[in-house]
Amino acid sequence: MSSLFWLVNTVFDIYLFFLIGYVILSWLTAFGIINTYQPFVQSLNQFLYTIIEPAARPIRNVVQRYLPSLRGIDLSILILWVLVNFAQKLVNEILFY
């Protein structure tokens, strides 16, 4: 049972690391620090977009509909971070305690 506990937590932790990478890459792109035409940067950006965007898009739609504009600040990633942490703790409590 402890190996299943480890696997579930590792999957959630890896997703959170991808989320951090997505945020950092978006900041580096927005400030013009990295060249987005490099093949490695393009593939990394596409990979992170594919992993993060399906979960962030519905949250972003709700945030844009019900909250006022914050001039370029995307709260959907922060809300997704909180939801993933909540899901991790909920799964751990339900399955393993």
Protein backbone atom coordinates (compact mmCIF):
# COMPACT_ATOMS: atom_id res chain seq x y z
CA MET A 1 0.00 0.00 0.00
CA SER A 2 2.88 2.37 0.64
CA SER A 3 4.09 2.00 -2.95
CA LEU A 4 0.65 3.05 -4.21
CA PHE A 5 0.75 6.01 -1.83
CA TRP A 6 4.17 6.94 -3.21
CA LEU A 7 2.99 6.63 -6.83
CA VAL A 8 -0.09 8.82 -6.32
CA ASN A 9 1.91 11.53 -4.55
CA THR A 10 4.65 11.40 -7.17
CA VAL A 11 2.16 11.89 -10.01
CA PHE A 12 0.67 14.92 -8.27
CA ASP A 13 4.14 16.32 -7.51
CA ILE A 14 5.30 15.91 -11.11
CA TYR A 15 2.21 17.75 -12.33
CA LEU A 16 2.97 20.58 -9.91
CA PHE A 17 6.54 20.76 -11.24
CA PHE A 18 5.17 20.96 -14.78
CA LEU A 19 2.93 23.78 -13.59
CA ILE A 20 5.93 25.65 -12.18
CA GLY A 21 7.81 25.12 -15.44
CA TYR A 22 4.85 26.44 -17.40
CA VAL A 23 4.75 29.62 -15.32
CA ILE A 24 8.51 30.19 -15.54
CA LEU A 25 8.55 29.60 -19.30
CA SER A 26 5.65 32.00 -19.80
CA TRP A 27 7.47 34.68 -17.79
CA LEU A 28 10.71 34.18 -19.70
CA THR A 29 8.80 34.41 -22.96
CA ALA A 30 6.84 37.49 -21.89
CA PHE A 31 9.99 39.36 -20.86
CA GLY A 32 11.85 38.37 -24.04
CA ILE A 33 14.60 36.52 -22.19
CA ILE A 34 14.44 33.33 -24.23
CA ASN A 35 14.22 32.88 -27.97
CA THR A 36 10.95 31.15 -28.76
CA TYR A 37 12.17 30.17 -32.23
CA GLN A 38 14.68 27.67 -30.89
CA PRO A 39 13.49 24.09 -31.44
CA PHE A 40 14.09 23.03 -27.82
CA VAL A 41 12.12 25.98 -26.45
CA GLN A 42 9.31 25.34 -28.93
CA SER A 43 9.07 21.67 -28.02
CA LEU A 44 9.20 22.42 -24.28
CA ASN A 45 6.54 25.09 -24.66
CA GLN A 46 4.32 22.76 -26.69
CA PHE A 47 4.75 19.93 -24.18
CA LEU A 48 3.91 22.10 -21.17
CA TYR A 49 1.00 23.70 -23.02
CA THR A 50 -0.39 20.25 -23.84
CA ILE A 51 -0.11 19.11 -20.23
CA ILE A 52 -1.35 22.25 -18.45
CA GLU A 53 -3.80 23.97 -20.77
CA PRO A 54 -6.66 21.40 -20.74
CA ALA A 55 -6.95 21.84 -16.97
CA ALA A 56 -6.37 25.61 -16.97
CA ARG A 57 -8.74 26.55 -19.80
CA PRO A 58 -12.06 25.89 -17.96
CA ILE A 59 -10.75 27.67 -14.87
CA ARG A 60 -9.60 30.60 -17.02
CA ASN A 61 -13.07 30.87 -18.62
CA VAL A 62 -14.74 31.05 -15.21
CA VAL A 63 -12.20 33.55 -13.87
CA GLN A 64 -12.58 35.81 -16.91
CA ARG A 65 -16.35 35.69 -16.63
CA TYR A 66 -16.73 36.43 -12.93
CA LEU A 67 -13.66 38.43 -11.88
CA PRO A 68 -12.58 41.84 -13.14
CA SER A 69 -9.55 42.11 -15.40
CA LEU A 70 -6.24 42.15 -13.58
CA ARG A 71 -4.25 43.51 -16.55
CA GLY A 72 -2.52 40.39 -17.76
CA ILE A 73 -2.32 38.42 -14.52
CA ASP A 74 -3.60 34.90 -15.04
CA LEU A 75 -5.21 33.64 -11.85
CA SER A 76 -6.23 30.35 -13.43
CA ILE A 77 -2.76 28.86 -12.89
CA LEU A 78 -2.83 29.81 -9.21
CA ILE A 79 -6.30 28.33 -8.82
CA LEU A 80 -5.15 25.19 -10.64
CA TRP A 81 -2.21 24.93 -8.22
CA VAL A 82 -4.60 25.11 -5.25
CA LEU A 83 -6.96 22.57 -6.79
CA VAL A 84 -4.17 20.08 -7.52
CA ASN A 85 -2.88 20.40 -3.95
CA PHE A 86 -6.42 19.95 -2.64
CA ALA A 87 -6.95 16.88 -4.84
CA GLN A 88 -3.67 15.41 -3.66
CA LYS A 89 -4.60 15.82 -0.01
CA LEU A 90 -8.15 14.58 -0.60
CA VAL A 91 -6.97 11.44 -2.38
CA ASN A 92 -4.43 10.78 0.34
CA GLU A 93 -7.08 11.11 3.06
CA ILE A 94 -9.69 9.00 1.31
CA LEU A 95 -7.47 6.19 0.08
CA PHE A 96 -4.74 5.94 2.64
CA TYR A 97 -6.07 6.91 6.07
